[in-house]
Amino acid sequence: MLGEVPYAAIPMLFGVQQLVEGRLWLELPAQSPTANLLAVIYLLFSHVLWPAYVPFAVWLLEPGGPRRKLMLVLAAAGIATALFFLAALLAHPVRATIDGAHILYDLPHPYDPIALTCYVAAACGAPLLSSHRTVRLFAIILIGSMIVTALAYVAWFASVWCFFAALTSGTVYLHFAGRSVPRPDDSILLP
């Protein structure tokens, strides 16, 4: 089903994001221009893509009804958040450094409480509202990893939570597991 493709793509997109950060690890010791570009690309994923993409992907899965309407509100909050962070990334330089065993992103904006609330509502709230049990499981694990990251890795939150979220995105598979794949009707090909 075409409406399931964006949700199914979440692990792949997280994989690309983690590859970008992996390459950033290799470039940071030299602080090359490539490192700055990779930092911006990573933050475009973490701050711009996810708050807009996740509610949209979950909304497409949801049958009509009040949950779907509420998801649109959360999607609007996610788009507003994405635009806020995009404007900040365009207006200010970004820098990433290795700090201990983590990457520390010097973000061009303060952690605005309203933007963060909208981000969490969009990225975590939309899947939590889903009528699909497996999508709600994704949300619950995502929220749990966010709390652990905020408590244990606050200075490196952008890097560490995205790592946990990438691992969590493996639960997307559960939404599709066990479903039969439609096969072409062979009788159509026979005379």
Protein backbone atom coordinates (compact mmCIF):
# COMPACT_ATOMS: atom_id res chain seq x y z
CA MET A 1 0.00 0.00 0.00
CA LEU A 2 1.46 3.34 -1.08
CA GLY A 3 0.42 5.12 2.14
CA GLU A 4 2.67 2.77 4.13
CA VAL A 5 5.87 3.63 2.26
CA PRO A 6 6.79 6.73 4.34
CA TYR A 7 6.42 4.79 7.60
CA ALA A 8 8.36 1.83 6.18
CA ALA A 9 11.14 4.23 5.12
CA ILE A 10 11.80 5.47 8.67
CA PRO A 11 14.55 2.89 9.45
CA MET A 12 16.23 3.57 6.09
CA LEU A 13 16.24 7.33 6.73
CA PHE A 14 17.66 6.78 10.21
CA GLY A 15 20.31 4.56 8.61
CA VAL A 16 21.31 7.37 6.25
CA GLN A 17 21.40 9.81 9.18
CA GLN A 18 23.63 7.47 11.18
CA LEU A 19 25.93 7.02 8.15
CA VAL A 20 26.26 10.82 7.96
CA GLU A 21 27.20 10.96 11.63
CA GLY A 22 29.61 8.04 11.21
CA ARG A 23 31.38 9.92 8.43
CA LEU A 24 31.35 13.02 10.64
CA TRP A 25 33.26 11.04 13.28
CA LEU A 26 35.96 10.41 10.70
CA GLU A 27 36.13 14.05 9.57
CA LEU A 28 35.97 15.82 12.95
CA PRO A 29 39.58 15.35 14.08
CA ALA A 30 40.73 17.45 11.10
CA GLN A 31 37.80 19.93 11.39
CA SER A 32 37.61 19.92 7.61
CA PRO A 33 34.97 21.83 5.62
CA THR A 34 33.39 18.42 5.02
CA ALA A 35 32.89 18.10 8.78
CA ASN A 36 30.88 21.32 8.85
CA LEU A 37 28.74 20.17 5.93
CA LEU A 38 28.14 16.78 7.54
CA ALA A 39 27.14 18.47 10.81
CA VAL A 40 24.58 20.58 8.96
CA ILE A 41 23.22 17.54 7.10
CA TYR A 42 22.94 15.62 10.36
CA LEU A 43 21.08 18.48 12.04
CA LEU A 44 18.76 18.77 9.04
CA PHE A 45 17.77 15.18 9.72
CA SER A 46 17.55 15.48 13.50
CA HIS A 47 15.91 18.90 13.79
CA VAL A 48 14.10 19.50 10.50
CA LEU A 49 13.12 16.17 8.97
CA TRP A 50 11.90 14.16 11.96
CA PRO A 51 9.36 16.52 13.55
CA ALA A 52 7.64 16.99 10.18
CA TYR A 53 8.11 13.50 8.72
CA VAL A 54 7.06 11.20 11.56
CA PRO A 55 3.56 12.62 12.11
CA PHE A 56 2.97 12.66 8.35
CA ALA A 57 4.10 9.02 7.97
CA VAL A 58 1.90 7.91 10.88
CA TRP A 59 -1.05 9.99 9.63
CA LEU A 60 -0.91 8.14 6.30
CA LEU A 61 -1.27 4.81 8.13
CA GLU A 62 -4.27 5.89 10.15
CA PRO A 63 -7.81 5.25 8.97
CA GLY A 64 -10.16 8.25 9.09
CA GLY A 65 -11.49 9.48 12.40
CA PRO A 66 -10.63 11.68 15.34
CA ARG A 67 -7.13 10.23 15.81
CA ARG A 68 -6.25 11.14 12.25
CA LYS A 69 -7.56 14.68 12.73
CA LEU A 70 -5.52 15.14 15.90
CA MET A 71 -2.46 13.83 14.07
CA LEU A 72 -2.90 16.67 11.58
CA VAL A 73 -2.64 19.15 14.45
CA LEU A 74 0.55 17.44 15.60
CA ALA A 75 1.85 17.42 12.03
CA ALA A 76 1.27 21.18 11.86
CA ALA A 77 3.22 21.58 15.11
CA GLY A 78 5.98 19.44 13.62
CA ILE A 79 6.13 21.53 10.47
CA ALA A 80 6.29 24.74 12.52
CA THR A 81 9.09 23.23 14.61
CA ALA A 82 10.97 22.10 11.50
CA LEU A 83 10.72 25.60 10.03
CA PHE A 84 11.94 27.15 13.31
CA PHE A 85 15.00 24.89 13.34
CA LEU A 86 15.61 25.33 9.61
CA ALA A 87 15.61 29.11 10.03
CA ALA A 88 18.08 28.78 12.91
CA LEU A 89 20.36 26.50 10.87
CA LEU A 90 20.29 28.91 7.92
CA ALA A 91 20.90 32.00 10.05
CA HIS A 92 23.76 30.77 12.23
CA PRO A 93 26.89 28.65 11.77
CA VAL A 94 26.86 25.08 13.06
CA ARG A 95 29.79 23.36 14.69
CA ALA A 96 30.34 19.83 15.91
CA THR A 97 33.17 18.57 18.10
CA ILE A 98 34.14 15.30 19.69
CA ASP A 99 33.50 15.54 23.41
CA GLY A 100 34.50 12.41 25.24
CA ALA A 101 32.85 9.50 23.46
CA HIS A 102 30.12 11.61 21.86
CA ILE A 103 29.61 14.32 19.30
CA LEU A 104 28.67 17.67 20.76
CA TYR A 105 26.70 19.88 18.39
CA ASP A 106 26.99 23.62 18.89
CA LEU A 107 23.43 24.38 17.87
CA PRO A 108 22.58 27.82 16.51
CA HIS A 109 19.57 28.24 18.76
CA PRO A 110 18.69 27.91 22.38
CA TYR A 111 16.63 24.91 23.33
CA ASP A 112 13.44 26.85 23.13
CA PRO A 113 10.87 25.14 25.39
CA ILE A 114 8.02 25.77 22.97
CA ALA A 115 9.94 24.33 20.00
CA LEU A 116 11.01 21.31 22.04
CA THR A 117 7.47 20.71 23.24
CA CYS A 118 6.16 20.88 19.69
CA TYR A 119 8.97 18.59 18.50
CA VAL A 120 8.16 15.92 21.08
CA ALA A 121 4.42 16.27 20.53
CA ALA A 122 4.86 15.78 16.79
CA ALA A 123 7.57 13.11 16.69
CA CYS A 124 6.36 11.08 19.68
CA GLY A 125 2.73 12.12 20.13
CA ALA A 126 1.52 11.25 16.63
CA PRO A 127 2.70 7.62 16.82
CA LEU A 128 1.39 7.38 20.38
CA LEU A 129 -2.09 8.30 19.10
CA SER A 130 -2.04 5.60 16.43
CA SER A 131 -4.69 2.91 16.37
CA HIS A 132 -1.93 0.46 15.39
CA ARG A 133 -0.43 -1.30 18.41
CA THR A 134 3.00 -1.64 16.78
CA VAL A 135 3.15 2.07 15.99
CA ARG A 136 2.27 2.90 19.61
CA LEU A 137 5.07 0.55 20.71
CA PHE A 138 7.47 2.55 18.52
CA ALA A 139 6.29 5.72 20.29
CA ILE A 140 6.63 4.26 23.78
CA ILE A 141 10.18 3.07 23.17
CA LEU A 142 11.02 6.39 21.49
CA ILE A 143 9.73 8.32 24.51
CA GLY A 144 11.61 6.02 26.90
CA SER A 145 14.85 6.52 25.00
CA MET A 146 14.27 10.28 24.99
CA ILE A 147 13.87 10.31 28.78
CA VAL A 148 16.99 8.19 29.32
CA THR A 149 18.97 10.42 26.96
CA ALA A 150 17.76 13.61 28.65
CA LEU A 151 18.75 12.26 32.06
CA ALA A 152 22.07 10.64 31.19
CA TYR A 153 23.36 12.43 28.08
CA VAL A 154 21.86 15.92 28.10
CA ALA A 155 24.97 17.63 26.69
CA TRP A 156 25.00 15.26 23.72
CA PHE A 157 21.23 14.92 23.38
CA ALA A 158 21.05 15.51 19.59
CA SER A 159 23.52 12.74 18.88
CA VAL A 160 22.57 10.16 21.48
CA TRP A 161 18.77 10.33 21.18
CA CYS A 162 19.04 9.99 17.40
CA PHE A 163 21.20 6.89 17.89
CA PHE A 164 18.58 5.39 20.22
CA ALA A 165 15.78 6.44 17.85
CA ALA A 166 17.58 4.74 14.97
CA LEU A 167 17.69 1.52 17.00
CA THR A 168 14.06 2.02 18.01
CA SER A 169 13.04 2.37 14.38
CA GLY A 170 13.64 -1.35 14.06
CA THR A 171 10.21 -1.74 15.63
CA VAL A 172 8.75 -0.38 12.39
CA TYR A 173 9.36 -3.88 11.04
CA LEU A 174 6.77 -5.22 13.50
CA HIS A 175 4.07 -3.21 11.75
CA PHE A 176 4.68 -5.15 8.55
CA ALA A 177 5.79 -8.53 9.95
CA GLY A 178 3.51 -11.47 9.44
CA ARG A 179 1.44 -9.84 6.74
CA SER A 180 1.03 -11.77 3.55
CA VAL A 181 2.47 -10.17 0.48
CA PRO A 182 -0.03 -10.03 -2.39
CA ARG A 183 1.11 -12.15 -5.31
CA PRO A 184 0.12 -11.68 -8.91
CA ASP A 185 -2.66 -13.97 -9.99
CA ASP A 186 -0.95 -16.58 -12.17
CA SER A 187 -4.27 -17.55 -13.77
CA ILE A 188 -4.33 -14.21 -15.59
CA LEU A 189 -1.22 -15.22 -17.51
CA LEU A 190 -2.62 -18.59 -18.62
CA PRO A 191 -4.80 -18.82 -21.74
